[in-house]
Amino acid sequence: MARVVRFERTDPIRIDPTELPVGADGKPKPIFICACGISARFPFCDGSHKACRLETQGHVYAYRPGSTEVVEQRPDAGHA
């Protein structure tokens, strides 16, 4: 499935390793980077990808910005 994601930033997102969470053992905790494009905490995953489970193969989806609400669904013309 494909997703329409609108990016409005024109600069990179910096992830400062000194600001990453550390566990009680002093070791860095794992972080998860968004791969679906609909996270409200982009570039970090917030679990919004669970909404993508309802997507149908061969369709393109557009989501309301900052939401998991689908505002458009259409056949993917580029899907083979």
N, C-alpha and C. Protein backbone atom coordinates (compact mmCIF):
# COMPACT_ATOMS: atom_id res chain seq x y z
N MET A 1 0.85 -1.17 0.00
CA MET A 1 0.00 0.00 0.00
C MET A 1 0.89 1.24 0.00
N ALA A 2 0.43 2.27 -0.63
CA ALA A 2 1.17 3.53 -0.68
C ALA A 2 0.43 4.57 0.16
N ARG A 3 1.16 5.55 0.62
CA ARG A 3 0.60 6.62 1.43
C ARG A 3 1.05 7.95 0.88
N VAL A 4 0.17 8.94 0.90
CA VAL A 4 0.53 10.30 0.55
C VAL A 4 0.90 10.99 1.85
N VAL A 5 2.14 11.45 1.93
CA VAL A 5 2.62 12.12 3.14
C VAL A 5 3.11 13.49 2.74
N ARG A 6 2.64 14.53 3.40
CA ARG A 6 3.06 15.89 3.08
C ARG A 6 4.13 16.33 4.08
N PHE A 7 5.28 16.66 3.55
CA PHE A 7 6.36 17.19 4.37
C PHE A 7 6.47 18.67 4.09
N GLU A 8 6.46 19.48 5.13
CA GLU A 8 6.56 20.92 4.96
C GLU A 8 7.90 21.47 5.40
N ARG A 9 8.68 20.65 6.07
CA ARG A 9 10.01 21.10 6.50
C ARG A 9 10.93 21.18 5.30
N THR A 10 11.89 22.07 5.38
CA THR A 10 12.88 22.19 4.32
C THR A 10 14.28 21.93 4.84
N ASP A 11 14.35 21.45 6.07
CA ASP A 11 15.64 21.16 6.68
C ASP A 11 15.61 19.76 7.28
N PRO A 12 16.78 19.20 7.56
CA PRO A 12 16.78 17.86 8.14
C PRO A 12 16.32 17.86 9.59
N ILE A 13 15.91 16.69 10.05
CA ILE A 13 15.54 16.52 11.45
C ILE A 13 16.76 15.97 12.16
N ARG A 14 17.26 16.72 13.12
CA ARG A 14 18.46 16.31 13.85
C ARG A 14 18.06 15.47 15.05
N ILE A 15 18.69 14.34 15.21
CA ILE A 15 18.49 13.50 16.38
C ILE A 15 19.79 13.53 17.16
N ASP A 16 19.76 14.18 18.31
CA ASP A 16 20.94 14.35 19.15
C ASP A 16 21.07 13.14 20.07
N PRO A 17 22.12 12.34 19.91
CA PRO A 17 22.26 11.14 20.73
C PRO A 17 22.34 11.43 22.23
N THR A 18 22.75 12.64 22.60
CA THR A 18 22.83 12.97 24.03
C THR A 18 21.44 13.16 24.63
N GLU A 19 20.42 13.32 23.79
CA GLU A 19 19.06 13.52 24.27
C GLU A 19 18.23 12.23 24.23
N LEU A 20 18.84 11.13 23.78
CA LEU A 20 18.11 9.87 23.72
C LEU A 20 17.94 9.28 25.11
N PRO A 21 16.85 8.56 25.35
CA PRO A 21 16.60 8.00 26.67
C PRO A 21 17.62 6.93 27.05
N VAL A 22 17.92 6.88 28.35
CA VAL A 22 18.85 5.88 28.90
C VAL A 22 18.10 5.10 29.96
N GLY A 23 18.29 3.78 29.95
CA GLY A 23 17.65 2.92 30.94
C GLY A 23 18.35 3.00 32.28
N ALA A 24 17.78 2.32 33.27
CA ALA A 24 18.34 2.30 34.62
C ALA A 24 19.73 1.69 34.64
N ASP A 25 20.02 0.85 33.65
CA ASP A 25 21.34 0.21 33.58
C ASP A 25 22.38 1.11 32.91
N GLY A 26 21.98 2.32 32.52
CA GLY A 26 22.89 3.25 31.89
C GLY A 26 23.06 3.04 30.40
N LYS A 27 22.41 2.03 29.86
CA LYS A 27 22.51 1.74 28.43
C LYS A 27 21.38 2.47 27.68
N PRO A 28 21.66 2.85 26.43
CA PRO A 28 20.61 3.53 25.65
C PRO A 28 19.39 2.62 25.45
N LYS A 29 18.22 3.21 25.57
CA LYS A 29 16.97 2.50 25.28
C LYS A 29 16.75 2.52 23.78
N PRO A 30 16.07 1.53 23.23
CA PRO A 30 15.81 1.56 21.80
C PRO A 30 14.84 2.69 21.46
N ILE A 31 15.04 3.28 20.30
CA ILE A 31 14.10 4.28 19.80
C ILE A 31 13.57 3.73 18.48
N PHE A 32 12.39 4.16 18.10
CA PHE A 32 11.77 3.68 16.88
C PHE A 32 11.49 4.88 15.98
N ILE A 33 11.98 4.80 14.74
CA ILE A 33 11.80 5.85 13.76
C ILE A 33 10.58 5.50 12.90
N CYS A 34 9.74 6.49 12.64
CA CYS A 34 8.52 6.30 11.85
C CYS A 34 8.87 5.90 10.42
N ALA A 35 8.24 4.84 9.95
CA ALA A 35 8.42 4.41 8.57
C ALA A 35 7.12 4.53 7.77
N CYS A 36 5.99 4.80 8.45
CA CYS A 36 4.71 4.89 7.74
C CYS A 36 4.41 6.31 7.29
N GLY A 37 5.00 7.30 7.95
CA GLY A 37 4.81 8.69 7.56
C GLY A 37 3.63 9.38 8.22
N ILE A 38 2.89 8.72 9.11
CA ILE A 38 1.72 9.37 9.70
C ILE A 38 1.86 9.62 11.20
N SER A 39 3.03 9.40 11.75
CA SER A 39 3.24 9.64 13.18
C SER A 39 3.09 11.12 13.51
N ALA A 40 2.38 11.43 14.57
CA ALA A 40 2.25 12.81 15.04
C ALA A 40 3.54 13.27 15.71
N ARG A 41 4.44 12.35 15.99
CA ARG A 41 5.72 12.68 16.63
C ARG A 41 6.89 12.47 15.66
N PHE A 42 6.63 12.54 14.35
CA PHE A 42 7.66 12.31 13.35
C PHE A 42 8.90 13.12 13.68
N PRO A 43 10.07 12.53 13.63
CA PRO A 43 10.48 11.30 13.00
C PRO A 43 10.34 10.07 13.89
N PHE A 44 9.81 10.24 15.10
CA PHE A 44 9.69 9.11 16.01
C PHE A 44 8.34 8.42 15.85
N CYS A 45 8.33 7.12 16.02
CA CYS A 45 7.11 6.33 15.94
C CYS A 45 6.24 6.60 17.17
N ASP A 46 4.94 6.76 16.94
CA ASP A 46 4.00 6.92 18.05
C ASP A 46 2.91 5.84 18.02
N GLY A 47 3.09 4.84 17.17
CA GLY A 47 2.11 3.76 17.07
C GLY A 47 1.02 4.00 16.04
N SER A 48 1.06 5.15 15.36
CA SER A 48 0.03 5.45 14.37
C SER A 48 -0.01 4.44 13.24
N HIS A 49 1.09 3.73 13.01
CA HIS A 49 1.15 2.75 11.93
C HIS A 49 0.11 1.65 12.07
N LYS A 50 -0.45 1.49 13.24
CA LYS A 50 -1.48 0.46 13.43
C LYS A 50 -2.69 0.73 12.53
N ALA A 51 -2.93 2.01 12.21
CA ALA A 51 -4.04 2.36 11.32
C ALA A 51 -3.79 1.84 9.91
N CYS A 52 -2.54 1.64 9.56
CA CYS A 52 -2.19 1.16 8.21
C CYS A 52 -2.59 -0.29 7.99
N ARG A 53 -2.87 -0.99 9.04
CA ARG A 53 -3.29 -2.40 8.91
C ARG A 53 -4.60 -2.53 8.16
N LEU A 54 -5.38 -1.46 8.12
CA LEU A 54 -6.67 -1.49 7.45
C LEU A 54 -6.56 -1.14 5.97
N GLU A 55 -5.38 -0.78 5.50
CA GLU A 55 -5.19 -0.42 4.11
C GLU A 55 -5.31 -1.65 3.21
N THR A 56 -5.83 -1.43 2.01
CA THR A 56 -6.00 -2.48 1.03
C THR A 56 -4.87 -2.43 0.01
N GLN A 57 -4.30 -3.58 -0.28
CA GLN A 57 -3.23 -3.67 -1.27
C GLN A 57 -3.69 -3.05 -2.59
N GLY A 58 -2.79 -2.29 -3.25
CA GLY A 58 -3.12 -1.71 -4.55
C GLY A 58 -3.85 -0.39 -4.48
N HIS A 59 -3.91 0.23 -3.29
CA HIS A 59 -4.55 1.53 -3.14
C HIS A 59 -3.57 2.53 -2.53
N VAL A 60 -3.83 3.81 -2.78
CA VAL A 60 -3.06 4.91 -2.19
C VAL A 60 -3.94 5.57 -1.15
N TYR A 61 -3.36 5.89 -0.01
CA TYR A 61 -4.11 6.50 1.09
C TYR A 61 -3.53 7.87 1.43
N ALA A 62 -4.42 8.81 1.72
CA ALA A 62 -4.03 10.12 2.23
C ALA A 62 -4.67 10.26 3.61
N TYR A 63 -3.86 10.65 4.58
CA TYR A 63 -4.33 10.81 5.96
C TYR A 63 -4.41 12.28 6.32
N ARG A 64 -5.37 12.63 7.19
CA ARG A 64 -5.44 13.99 7.71
C ARG A 64 -4.15 14.24 8.49
N PRO A 65 -3.49 15.39 8.26
CA PRO A 65 -2.23 15.68 8.97
C PRO A 65 -2.38 15.55 10.48
N GLY A 66 -1.44 14.85 11.11
CA GLY A 66 -1.45 14.68 12.56
C GLY A 66 -2.53 13.74 13.06
N SER A 67 -3.09 12.93 12.16
CA SER A 67 -4.21 12.07 12.51
C SER A 67 -4.09 10.74 11.79
N THR A 68 -4.86 9.76 12.23
CA THR A 68 -4.92 8.48 11.52
C THR A 68 -6.21 8.40 10.71
N GLU A 69 -6.87 9.53 10.50
CA GLU A 69 -8.11 9.56 9.72
C GLU A 69 -7.78 9.59 8.22
N VAL A 70 -8.31 8.61 7.48
CA VAL A 70 -8.12 8.56 6.04
C VAL A 70 -9.04 9.60 5.40
N VAL A 71 -8.46 10.51 4.59
CA VAL A 71 -9.26 11.52 3.91
C VAL A 71 -9.42 11.21 2.43
N GLU A 72 -8.58 10.28 1.92
CA GLU A 72 -8.71 9.90 0.52
C GLU A 72 -8.15 8.49 0.34
N GLN A 73 -8.83 7.72 -0.48
CA GLN A 73 -8.37 6.38 -0.85
C GLN A 73 -8.68 6.20 -2.32
N ARG A 74 -7.67 5.79 -3.09
CA ARG A 74 -7.87 5.60 -4.53
C ARG A 74 -6.98 4.46 -5.02
N PRO A 75 -7.35 3.86 -6.15
CA PRO A 75 -6.49 2.82 -6.72
C PRO A 75 -5.11 3.41 -7.05
N ASP A 76 -4.08 2.62 -6.84
CA ASP A 76 -2.71 3.05 -7.10
C ASP A 76 -2.39 2.78 -8.57
N ALA A 77 -2.36 3.84 -9.37
CA ALA A 77 -2.09 3.72 -10.80
C ALA A 77 -0.70 3.14 -11.07
N GLY A 78 0.22 3.32 -10.13
CA GLY A 78 1.58 2.81 -10.31
C GLY A 78 1.78 1.40 -9.77
N HIS A 79 0.73 0.81 -9.24
CA HIS A 79 0.82 -0.52 -8.66
C HIS A 79 0.70 -1.57 -9.74
N ALA A 80 1.65 -2.46 -9.78
CA ALA A 80 1.60 -3.51 -10.81
C ALA A 80 0.95 -4.77 -10.29
